[in-house]
All heavy atoms as atom14 arrays in JSON, in Angstrom:
{
  "sequence": "FSEGRPLFARSNDSNFTLPNFIRTHLFTALCALKTGLNILIEDEK",
  "atom14_mask": [
    [1, 1, 1, 1, 1, 1, 1, 1, 1, 1, 1, 0, 0, 0],
    [1, 1, 1, 1, 1, 1, 0, 0, 0, 0, 0, 0, 0, 0],
    [1, 1, 1, 1, 1, 1, 1, 1, 1, 0, 0, 0, 0, 0],
    [1, 1, 1, 1, 0, 0, 0, 0, 0, 0, 0, 0, 0, 0],
    [1, 1, 1, 1, 1, 1, 1, 1, 1, 1, 1, 0, 0, 0],
    [1, 1, 1, 1, 1, 1, 1, 0, 0, 0, 0, 0, 0, 0],
    [1, 1, 1, 1, 1, 1, 1, 1, 0, 0, 0, 0, 0, 0],
    [1, 1, 1, 1, 1, 1, 1, 1, 1, 1, 1, 0, 0, 0],
    [1, 1, 1, 1, 1, 0, 0, 0, 0, 0, 0, 0, 0, 0],
    [1, 1, 1, 1, 1, 1, 1, 1, 1, 1, 1, 0, 0, 0],
    [1, 1, 1, 1, 1, 1, 0, 0, 0, 0, 0, 0, 0, 0],
    [1, 1, 1, 1, 1, 1, 1, 1, 0, 0, 0, 0, 0, 0],
    [1, 1, 1, 1, 1, 1, 1, 1, 0, 0, 0, 0, 0, 0],
    [1, 1, 1, 1, 1, 1, 0, 0, 0, 0, 0, 0, 0, 0],
    [1, 1, 1, 1, 1, 1, 1, 1, 0, 0, 0, 0, 0, 0],
    [1, 1, 1, 1, 1, 1, 1, 1, 1, 1, 1, 0, 0, 0],
    [1, 1, 1, 1, 1, 1, 1, 0, 0, 0, 0, 0, 0, 0],
    [1, 1, 1, 1, 1, 1, 1, 1, 0, 0, 0, 0, 0, 0],
    [1, 1, 1, 1, 1, 1, 1, 0, 0, 0, 0, 0, 0, 0],
    [1, 1, 1, 1, 1, 1, 1, 1, 0, 0, 0, 0, 0, 0],
    [1, 1, 1, 1, 1, 1, 1, 1, 1, 1, 1, 0, 0, 0],
    [1, 1, 1, 1, 1, 1, 1, 1, 0, 0, 0, 0, 0, 0],
    [1, 1, 1, 1, 1, 1, 1, 1, 1, 1, 1, 0, 0, 0],
    [1, 1, 1, 1, 1, 1, 1, 0, 0, 0, 0, 0, 0, 0],
    [1, 1, 1, 1, 1, 1, 1, 1, 1, 1, 0, 0, 0, 0],
    [1, 1, 1, 1, 1, 1, 1, 1, 0, 0, 0, 0, 0, 0],
    [1, 1, 1, 1, 1, 1, 1, 1, 1, 1, 1, 0, 0, 0],
    [1, 1, 1, 1, 1, 1, 1, 0, 0, 0, 0, 0, 0, 0],
    [1, 1, 1, 1, 1, 0, 0, 0, 0, 0, 0, 0, 0, 0],
    [1, 1, 1, 1, 1, 1, 1, 1, 0, 0, 0, 0, 0, 0],
    [1, 1, 1, 1, 1, 1, 0, 0, 0, 0, 0, 0, 0, 0],
    [1, 1, 1, 1, 1, 0, 0, 0, 0, 0, 0, 0, 0, 0],
    [1, 1, 1, 1, 1, 1, 1, 1, 0, 0, 0, 0, 0, 0],
    [1, 1, 1, 1, 1, 1, 1, 1, 1, 0, 0, 0, 0, 0],
    [1, 1, 1, 1, 1, 1, 1, 0, 0, 0, 0, 0, 0, 0],
    [1, 1, 1, 1, 0, 0, 0, 0, 0, 0, 0, 0, 0, 0],
    [1, 1, 1, 1, 1, 1, 1, 1, 0, 0, 0, 0, 0, 0],
    [1, 1, 1, 1, 1, 1, 1, 1, 0, 0, 0, 0, 0, 0],
    [1, 1, 1, 1, 1, 1, 1, 1, 0, 0, 0, 0, 0, 0],
    [1, 1, 1, 1, 1, 1, 1, 1, 0, 0, 0, 0, 0, 0],
    [1, 1, 1, 1, 1, 1, 1, 1, 0, 0, 0, 0, 0, 0],
    [1, 1, 1, 1, 1, 1, 1, 1, 1, 0, 0, 0, 0, 0],
    [1, 1, 1, 1, 1, 1, 1, 1, 0, 0, 0, 0, 0, 0],
    [1, 1, 1, 1, 1, 1, 1, 1, 1, 0, 0, 0, 0, 0],
    [1, 1, 1, 1, 1, 1, 1, 1, 1, 0, 0, 0, 0, 0]
  ],
  "atom14_positions": [
    [[-201.32, -34.76, 42.54], [-200.07, -35.41, 42.97], [-200.35, -36.77, 43.56], [-200.99, -36.84, 44.69], [-199.31, -34.55, 43.89], [-198.71, -33.42, 43.16], [-199.45, -32.16, 42.97], [-197.38, -33.41, 42.74], [-198.89, -31.09, 42.36], [-196.82, -32.27, 42.11], [-197.55, -31.03, 41.92], [0.0, 0.0, 0.0], [0.0, 0.0, 0.0], [0.0, 0.0, 0.0]],
    [[-199.78, -37.78, 42.97], [-199.85, -39.2, 43.65], [-198.91, -39.36, 44.73], [-199.14, -40.21, 45.59], [-199.77, -40.24, 42.54], [-198.49, -40.11, 41.96], [0.0, 0.0, 0.0], [0.0, 0.0, 0.0], [0.0, 0.0, 0.0], [0.0, 0.0, 0.0], [0.0, 0.0, 0.0], [0.0, 0.0, 0.0], [0.0, 0.0, 0.0], [0.0, 0.0, 0.0]],
    [[-197.88, -38.6, 44.83], [-196.95, -38.6, 45.87], [-196.41, -37.17, 46.02], [-196.58, -36.24, 45.16], [-195.76, -39.42, 45.7], [-195.06, -39.32, 44.53], [-193.91, -40.33, 44.29], [-193.1, -40.5, 45.38], [-193.72, -41.02, 43.23], [0.0, 0.0, 0.0], [0.0, 0.0, 0.0], [0.0, 0.0, 0.0], [0.0, 0.0, 0.0], [0.0, 0.0, 0.0]],
    [[-195.89, -36.69, 47.24], [-195.48, -35.32, 47.4], [-194.26, -35.24, 48.12], [-193.6, -36.22, 48.63], [0.0, 0.0, 0.0], [0.0, 0.0, 0.0], [0.0, 0.0, 0.0], [0.0, 0.0, 0.0], [0.0, 0.0, 0.0], [0.0, 0.0, 0.0], [0.0, 0.0, 0.0], [0.0, 0.0, 0.0], [0.0, 0.0, 0.0], [0.0, 0.0, 0.0]],
    [[-193.59, -34.03, 48.05], [-192.36, -33.7, 48.76], [-192.54, -32.47, 49.51], [-192.97, -31.41, 48.91], [-191.17, -33.6, 47.81], [-190.91, -34.8, 46.93], [-190.24, -35.9, 47.77], [-189.9, -37.09, 46.88], [-190.75, -38.07, 46.56], [-191.94, -38.02, 47.0], [-190.31, -39.01, 45.75], [0.0, 0.0, 0.0], [0.0, 0.0, 0.0], [0.0, 0.0, 0.0]],
    [[-192.41, -32.34, 50.85], [-192.45, -30.96, 51.46], [-191.48, -30.01, 50.91], [-190.3, -30.36, 50.61], [-192.11, -31.33, 53.03], [-192.31, -32.77, 53.06], [-191.96, -33.33, 51.76], [0.0, 0.0, 0.0], [0.0, 0.0, 0.0], [0.0, 0.0, 0.0], [0.0, 0.0, 0.0], [0.0, 0.0, 0.0], [0.0, 0.0, 0.0], [0.0, 0.0, 0.0]],
    [[-191.83, -28.81, 50.69], [-191.04, -27.86, 49.88], [-191.2, -26.43, 50.41], [-192.38, -26.02, 50.61], [-191.41, -27.94, 48.36], [-190.65, -26.97, 47.45], [-189.12, -27.39, 47.31], [-191.45, -26.98, 46.05], [0.0, 0.0, 0.0], [0.0, 0.0, 0.0], [0.0, 0.0, 0.0], [0.0, 0.0, 0.0], [0.0, 0.0, 0.0], [0.0, 0.0, 0.0]],
    [[-190.16, -25.77, 50.65], [-190.18, -24.22, 50.95], [-189.42, -23.47, 49.9], [-188.27, -23.99, 49.59], [-189.67, -24.0, 52.39], [-189.49, -22.49, 52.61], [-190.79, -21.71, 52.79], [-188.37, -22.02, 52.71], [-190.58, -20.47, 53.15], [-188.17, -20.56, 53.02], [-189.34, -19.82, 53.19], [0.0, 0.0, 0.0], [0.0, 0.0, 0.0], [0.0, 0.0, 0.0]],
    [[-189.93, -22.44, 49.42], [-189.19, -21.58, 48.5], [-189.45, -20.09, 48.72], [-190.39, -19.69, 49.22], [-189.7, -22.03, 47.06], [0.0, 0.0, 0.0], [0.0, 0.0, 0.0], [0.0, 0.0, 0.0], [0.0, 0.0, 0.0], [0.0, 0.0, 0.0], [0.0, 0.0, 0.0], [0.0, 0.0, 0.0], [0.0, 0.0, 0.0], [0.0, 0.0, 0.0]],
    [[-188.48, -19.29, 48.23], [-188.54, -17.8, 48.31], [-187.82, -17.21, 47.26], [-186.91, -17.8, 46.75], [-188.2, -17.27, 49.63], [-186.63, -17.53, 49.88], [-186.36, -17.14, 51.41], [-185.01, -17.41, 51.78], [-184.06, -16.35, 51.65], [-184.29, -15.13, 51.28], [-182.72, -16.64, 52.04], [0.0, 0.0, 0.0], [0.0, 0.0, 0.0], [0.0, 0.0, 0.0]],
    [[-188.29, -16.05, 46.76], [-187.52, -15.28, 45.82], [-186.48, -14.46, 46.56], [-186.51, -14.26, 47.77], [-188.47, -14.39, 44.93], [-189.0, -13.44, 45.82], [0.0, 0.0, 0.0], [0.0, 0.0, 0.0], [0.0, 0.0, 0.0], [0.0, 0.0, 0.0], [0.0, 0.0, 0.0], [0.0, 0.0, 0.0], [0.0, 0.0, 0.0], [0.0, 0.0, 0.0]],
    [[-185.5, -13.87, 45.85], [-184.39, -13.23, 46.48], [-184.81, -11.9, 47.03], [-184.22, -11.14, 47.73], [-183.19, -12.94, 45.5], [-183.53, -12.41, 44.1], [-184.64, -11.92, 44.06], [-182.6, -12.39, 43.23], [0.0, 0.0, 0.0], [0.0, 0.0, 0.0], [0.0, 0.0, 0.0], [0.0, 0.0, 0.0], [0.0, 0.0, 0.0], [0.0, 0.0, 0.0]],
    [[-186.11, -11.39, 46.59], [-186.53, -10.04, 47.13], [-187.79, -10.27, 47.95], [-188.46, -9.24, 48.27], [-186.87, -9.17, 46.03], [-187.95, -9.75, 44.98], [-188.38, -10.94, 45.15], [-188.5, -8.93, 44.14], [0.0, 0.0, 0.0], [0.0, 0.0, 0.0], [0.0, 0.0, 0.0], [0.0, 0.0, 0.0], [0.0, 0.0, 0.0], [0.0, 0.0, 0.0]],
    [[-188.1, -11.6, 48.43], [-189.2, -11.72, 49.39], [-188.86, -11.27, 50.78], [-187.68, -11.05, 51.1], [-189.42, -13.18, 49.42], [-188.35, -13.91, 49.85], [0.0, 0.0, 0.0], [0.0, 0.0, 0.0], [0.0, 0.0, 0.0], [0.0, 0.0, 0.0], [0.0, 0.0, 0.0], [0.0, 0.0, 0.0], [0.0, 0.0, 0.0], [0.0, 0.0, 0.0]],
    [[-189.87, -11.03, 51.56], [-189.62, -10.61, 52.89], [-189.56, -11.67, 53.79], [-190.58, -12.28, 54.42], [-190.86, -9.64, 53.33], [-190.6, -8.95, 54.56], [-189.48, -8.87, 55.04], [-191.72, -8.5, 55.3], [0.0, 0.0, 0.0], [0.0, 0.0, 0.0], [0.0, 0.0, 0.0], [0.0, 0.0, 0.0], [0.0, 0.0, 0.0], [0.0, 0.0, 0.0]],
    [[-188.32, -12.26, 53.95], [-188.11, -13.49, 54.68], [-187.95, -13.13, 56.21], [-186.9, -12.97, 56.68], [-186.8, -14.21, 54.12], [-186.63, -15.56, 54.67], [-187.64, -16.35, 54.91], [-185.27, -15.96, 54.78], [-187.31, -17.63, 55.41], [-184.97, -17.25, 55.38], [-186.15, -18.05, 55.69], [0.0, 0.0, 0.0], [0.0, 0.0, 0.0], [0.0, 0.0, 0.0]],
    [[-189.21, -13.27, 56.88], [-189.16, -13.02, 58.35], [-189.76, -14.25, 58.93], [-190.47, -15.14, 58.34], [-190.02, -11.86, 58.79], [-191.35, -12.05, 58.38], [-189.5, -10.6, 58.12], [0.0, 0.0, 0.0], [0.0, 0.0, 0.0], [0.0, 0.0, 0.0], [0.0, 0.0, 0.0], [0.0, 0.0, 0.0], [0.0, 0.0, 0.0], [0.0, 0.0, 0.0]],
    [[-189.61, -14.41, 60.33], [-190.24, -15.56, 60.94], [-191.79, -15.51, 60.88], [-192.33, -16.55, 60.59], [-189.68, -15.66, 62.3], [-190.12, -16.88, 63.26], [-189.83, -18.15, 62.56], [-189.53, -16.8, 64.67], [0.0, 0.0, 0.0], [0.0, 0.0, 0.0], [0.0, 0.0, 0.0], [0.0, 0.0, 0.0], [0.0, 0.0, 0.0], [0.0, 0.0, 0.0]],
    [[-192.28, -14.35, 61.21], [-193.81, -14.32, 61.11], [-194.31, -14.66, 59.75], [-195.29, -15.41, 59.6], [-194.12, -12.75, 61.44], [-193.07, -12.47, 62.3], [-191.83, -13.07, 61.72], [0.0, 0.0, 0.0], [0.0, 0.0, 0.0], [0.0, 0.0, 0.0], [0.0, 0.0, 0.0], [0.0, 0.0, 0.0], [0.0, 0.0, 0.0], [0.0, 0.0, 0.0]],
    [[-193.72, -14.26, 58.67], [-194.02, -14.57, 57.28], [-193.91, -16.11, 57.02], [-194.67, -16.78, 56.4], [-193.33, -13.79, 56.21], [-193.86, -12.4, 56.04], [-195.03, -12.1, 56.37], [-193.09, -11.5, 55.49], [0.0, 0.0, 0.0], [0.0, 0.0, 0.0], [0.0, 0.0, 0.0], [0.0, 0.0, 0.0], [0.0, 0.0, 0.0], [0.0, 0.0, 0.0]],
    [[-192.75, -16.66, 57.54], [-192.48, -18.14, 57.45], [-193.59, -18.87, 58.16], [-194.13, -19.92, 57.48], [-191.1, -18.42, 58.04], [-190.72, -19.79, 57.96], [-190.19, -20.36, 56.8], [-190.93, -20.7, 59.0], [-189.71, -21.74, 56.62], [-190.49, -22.03, 58.91], [-189.89, -22.41, 57.66], [0.0, 0.0, 0.0], [0.0, 0.0, 0.0], [0.0, 0.0, 0.0]],
    [[-194.01, -18.53, 59.23], [-195.04, -19.34, 59.99], [-196.36, -19.11, 59.21], [-197.21, -20.16, 58.99], [-195.27, -18.78, 61.44], [-193.97, -19.02, 62.21], [-196.37, -19.49, 62.12], [-193.51, -20.53, 62.37], [0.0, 0.0, 0.0], [0.0, 0.0, 0.0], [0.0, 0.0, 0.0], [0.0, 0.0, 0.0], [0.0, 0.0, 0.0], [0.0, 0.0, 0.0]],
    [[-196.73, -17.9, 58.93], [-198.03, -17.64, 58.22], [-198.09, -18.4, 56.82], [-199.02, -19.03, 56.4], [-198.22, -16.16, 57.9], [-199.57, -15.76, 57.33], [-199.63, -14.32, 57.22], [-200.91, -13.74, 56.75], [-201.89, -13.39, 57.34], [-201.74, -13.36, 58.76], [-203.01, -12.77, 56.94], [0.0, 0.0, 0.0], [0.0, 0.0, 0.0], [0.0, 0.0, 0.0]],
    [[-196.9, -18.47, 56.17], [-196.81, -19.23, 54.88], [-197.26, -20.69, 55.09], [-197.99, -21.31, 54.38], [-195.49, -19.28, 54.36], [-195.13, -17.88, 54.02], [-195.21, -20.17, 53.18], [0.0, 0.0, 0.0], [0.0, 0.0, 0.0], [0.0, 0.0, 0.0], [0.0, 0.0, 0.0], [0.0, 0.0, 0.0], [0.0, 0.0, 0.0], [0.0, 0.0, 0.0]],
    [[-196.76, -21.31, 56.23], [-197.05, -22.73, 56.38], [-198.59, -22.94, 56.83], [-199.1, -23.98, 56.67], [-195.94, -23.38, 57.35], [-194.71, -23.6, 56.64], [-193.79, -22.66, 56.56], [-194.2, -24.64, 56.05], [-192.62, -23.15, 55.94], [-192.93, -24.34, 55.55], [0.0, 0.0, 0.0], [0.0, 0.0, 0.0], [0.0, 0.0, 0.0], [0.0, 0.0, 0.0]],
    [[-199.07, -21.96, 57.56], [-200.41, -22.12, 57.85], [-201.41, -21.92, 56.54], [-202.29, -22.66, 56.42], [-200.84, -21.05, 58.89], [-200.34, -21.27, 60.33], [-200.56, -20.1, 61.22], [-200.91, -22.54, 61.03], [0.0, 0.0, 0.0], [0.0, 0.0, 0.0], [0.0, 0.0, 0.0], [0.0, 0.0, 0.0], [0.0, 0.0, 0.0], [0.0, 0.0, 0.0]],
    [[-200.96, -20.94, 55.83], [-201.77, -20.66, 54.53], [-201.67, -21.89, 53.6], [-202.72, -22.34, 53.15], [-201.22, -19.43, 53.77], [-201.88, -18.12, 54.19], [-202.68, -18.09, 55.34], [-201.72, -17.01, 53.43], [-203.41, -16.9, 55.74], [-202.32, -15.8, 53.76], [-203.19, -15.78, 54.91], [0.0, 0.0, 0.0], [0.0, 0.0, 0.0], [0.0, 0.0, 0.0]],
    [[-200.48, -22.39, 53.39], [-200.36, -23.46, 52.44], [-201.04, -24.76, 52.87], [-201.54, -25.57, 52.05], [-198.89, -23.79, 52.1], [-198.78, -24.58, 50.79], [-198.23, -24.6, 53.33], [0.0, 0.0, 0.0], [0.0, 0.0, 0.0], [0.0, 0.0, 0.0], [0.0, 0.0, 0.0], [0.0, 0.0, 0.0], [0.0, 0.0, 0.0], [0.0, 0.0, 0.0]],
    [[-201.23, -24.88, 54.24], [-201.98, -26.04, 54.7], [-203.42, -26.1, 54.29], [-204.07, -27.14, 54.39], [-201.85, -26.08, 56.26], [0.0, 0.0, 0.0], [0.0, 0.0, 0.0], [0.0, 0.0, 0.0], [0.0, 0.0, 0.0], [0.0, 0.0, 0.0], [0.0, 0.0, 0.0], [0.0, 0.0, 0.0], [0.0, 0.0, 0.0], [0.0, 0.0, 0.0]],
    [[-203.86, -24.87, 53.87], [-205.3, -24.79, 53.59], [-205.58, -24.56, 52.02], [-206.75, -24.6, 51.61], [-205.96, -23.77, 54.38], [-205.88, -23.8, 55.83], [-206.55, -22.6, 56.57], [-206.51, -25.09, 56.33], [0.0, 0.0, 0.0], [0.0, 0.0, 0.0], [0.0, 0.0, 0.0], [0.0, 0.0, 0.0], [0.0, 0.0, 0.0], [0.0, 0.0, 0.0]],
    [[-204.53, -24.58, 51.22], [-204.73, -24.21, 49.82], [-205.41, -25.27, 49.01], [-206.19, -25.04, 48.14], [-203.36, -23.74, 49.26], [-202.97, -22.11, 49.59], [0.0, 0.0, 0.0], [0.0, 0.0, 0.0], [0.0, 0.0, 0.0], [0.0, 0.0, 0.0], [0.0, 0.0, 0.0], [0.0, 0.0, 0.0], [0.0, 0.0, 0.0], [0.0, 0.0, 0.0]],
    [[-204.99, -26.47, 49.18], [-205.71, -27.59, 48.45], [-207.17, -27.71, 48.91], [-208.07, -27.95, 48.04], [-204.94, -28.94, 48.8], [0.0, 0.0, 0.0], [0.0, 0.0, 0.0], [0.0, 0.0, 0.0], [0.0, 0.0, 0.0], [0.0, 0.0, 0.0], [0.0, 0.0, 0.0], [0.0, 0.0, 0.0], [0.0, 0.0, 0.0], [0.0, 0.0, 0.0]],
    [[-207.48, -27.53, 50.21], [-208.88, -27.45, 50.67], [-209.65, -26.29, 49.92], [-210.77, -26.49, 49.51], [-208.84, -27.24, 52.08], [-210.33, -27.02, 52.75], [-211.08, -28.4, 52.82], [-210.2, -26.46, 54.11], [0.0, 0.0, 0.0], [0.0, 0.0, 0.0], [0.0, 0.0, 0.0], [0.0, 0.0, 0.0], [0.0, 0.0, 0.0], [0.0, 0.0, 0.0]],
    [[-209.0, -25.16, 49.86], [-209.59, -24.03, 49.25], [-210.01, -24.29, 47.77], [-211.04, -23.83, 47.28], [-208.72, -22.83, 49.2], [-209.13, -21.57, 48.58], [-210.33, -20.91, 49.18], [-210.59, -19.51, 48.58], [-211.74, -18.91, 49.19], [0.0, 0.0, 0.0], [0.0, 0.0, 0.0], [0.0, 0.0, 0.0], [0.0, 0.0, 0.0], [0.0, 0.0, 0.0]],
    [[-209.21, -25.1, 47.06], [-209.52, -25.46, 45.73], [-210.76, -26.2, 45.64], [-211.64, -25.89, 44.63], [-208.38, -26.36, 45.14], [-207.08, -25.84, 45.31], [-208.53, -26.93, 43.69], [0.0, 0.0, 0.0], [0.0, 0.0, 0.0], [0.0, 0.0, 0.0], [0.0, 0.0, 0.0], [0.0, 0.0, 0.0], [0.0, 0.0, 0.0], [0.0, 0.0, 0.0]],
    [[-211.05, -27.07, 46.51], [-212.45, -27.74, 46.59], [-213.58, -26.87, 46.99], [-214.73, -26.95, 46.4], [0.0, 0.0, 0.0], [0.0, 0.0, 0.0], [0.0, 0.0, 0.0], [0.0, 0.0, 0.0], [0.0, 0.0, 0.0], [0.0, 0.0, 0.0], [0.0, 0.0, 0.0], [0.0, 0.0, 0.0], [0.0, 0.0, 0.0], [0.0, 0.0, 0.0]],
    [[-213.35, -26.01, 48.04], [-214.29, -25.14, 48.46], [-214.87, -24.12, 47.47], [-215.99, -23.76, 47.35], [-213.87, -24.39, 49.76], [-213.84, -25.15, 51.01], [-213.3, -24.31, 52.25], [-215.31, -25.77, 51.34], [0.0, 0.0, 0.0], [0.0, 0.0, 0.0], [0.0, 0.0, 0.0], [0.0, 0.0, 0.0], [0.0, 0.0, 0.0], [0.0, 0.0, 0.0]],
    [[-213.84, -23.72, 46.6], [-214.27, -22.83, 45.48], [-215.33, -23.36, 44.68], [-216.22, -22.72, 44.14], [-213.09, -22.43, 44.68], [-212.17, -21.28, 45.44], [-212.56, -20.78, 46.37], [-211.02, -20.98, 44.8], [0.0, 0.0, 0.0], [0.0, 0.0, 0.0], [0.0, 0.0, 0.0], [0.0, 0.0, 0.0], [0.0, 0.0, 0.0], [0.0, 0.0, 0.0]],
    [[-215.15, -24.73, 44.33], [-216.13, -25.38, 43.47], [-217.44, -25.28, 44.24], [-218.58, -25.02, 43.64], [-215.71, -26.79, 43.28], [-214.43, -26.84, 42.45], [-216.8, -27.62, 42.65], [-213.81, -28.2, 42.24], [0.0, 0.0, 0.0], [0.0, 0.0, 0.0], [0.0, 0.0, 0.0], [0.0, 0.0, 0.0], [0.0, 0.0, 0.0], [0.0, 0.0, 0.0]],
    [[-217.67, -25.64, 45.52], [-218.92, -25.71, 46.22], [-219.53, -24.25, 46.41], [-220.69, -24.2, 46.03], [-218.71, -26.32, 47.58], [-218.51, -27.83, 47.69], [-217.98, -28.31, 49.04], [-219.67, -28.58, 47.21], [0.0, 0.0, 0.0], [0.0, 0.0, 0.0], [0.0, 0.0, 0.0], [0.0, 0.0, 0.0], [0.0, 0.0, 0.0], [0.0, 0.0, 0.0]],
    [[-218.77, -23.38, 46.77], [-219.29, -22.11, 47.07], [-219.39, -21.16, 45.84], [-220.42, -20.44, 45.75], [-218.47, -21.43, 48.23], [-218.61, -22.22, 49.49], [-218.9, -20.02, 48.47], [-217.64, -21.8, 50.62], [0.0, 0.0, 0.0], [0.0, 0.0, 0.0], [0.0, 0.0, 0.0], [0.0, 0.0, 0.0], [0.0, 0.0, 0.0], [0.0, 0.0, 0.0]],
    [[-218.43, -21.16, 45.13], [-218.45, -20.21, 43.96], [-219.2, -20.82, 42.74], [-219.97, -20.23, 42.06], [-217.09, -19.78, 43.55], [-216.36, -18.96, 44.66], [-214.95, -18.5, 44.25], [-214.54, -18.58, 43.07], [-214.27, -17.97, 45.15], [0.0, 0.0, 0.0], [0.0, 0.0, 0.0], [0.0, 0.0, 0.0], [0.0, 0.0, 0.0], [0.0, 0.0, 0.0]],
    [[-218.83, -21.98, 42.37], [-219.37, -22.66, 41.23], [-220.77, -23.16, 41.38], [-221.65, -22.96, 40.63], [-218.47, -23.75, 40.68], [-217.05, -23.3, 40.16], [-216.91, -22.08, 40.16], [-216.19, -24.21, 40.09], [0.0, 0.0, 0.0], [0.0, 0.0, 0.0], [0.0, 0.0, 0.0], [0.0, 0.0, 0.0], [0.0, 0.0, 0.0], [0.0, 0.0, 0.0]],
    [[-221.0, -23.9, 42.52], [-222.23, -24.48, 42.73], [-223.18, -23.71, 43.65], [-224.31, -24.02, 43.9], [-222.08, -25.93, 43.43], [-221.5, -27.01, 42.57], [-222.49, -27.49, 41.53], [-223.68, -27.25, 41.7], [-222.12, -28.33, 40.65], [0.0, 0.0, 0.0], [0.0, 0.0, 0.0], [0.0, 0.0, 0.0], [0.0, 0.0, 0.0], [0.0, 0.0, 0.0]],
    [[-222.69, -22.44, 44.06], [-223.5, -21.66, 44.84], [-224.09, -22.17, 46.07], [-225.18, -21.93, 46.45], [-224.56, -21.0, 44.01], [-224.19, -20.43, 42.55], [-223.08, -19.33, 42.88], [-222.68, -18.8, 41.46], [-221.54, -17.85, 41.57], [0.0, 0.0, 0.0], [0.0, 0.0, 0.0], [0.0, 0.0, 0.0], [0.0, 0.0, 0.0], [0.0, 0.0, 0.0]]
  ]
}
């Protein structure tokens, strides 16, 4: 992505709680990083 937009989404049957909301934003903060780490640790050993 050359530019971005902050985005939050949920399905109608998701468990929409404050703890899950907070955890979601902590998890997503690391997902792009995880994409690169997978290359180093899993692919390149």
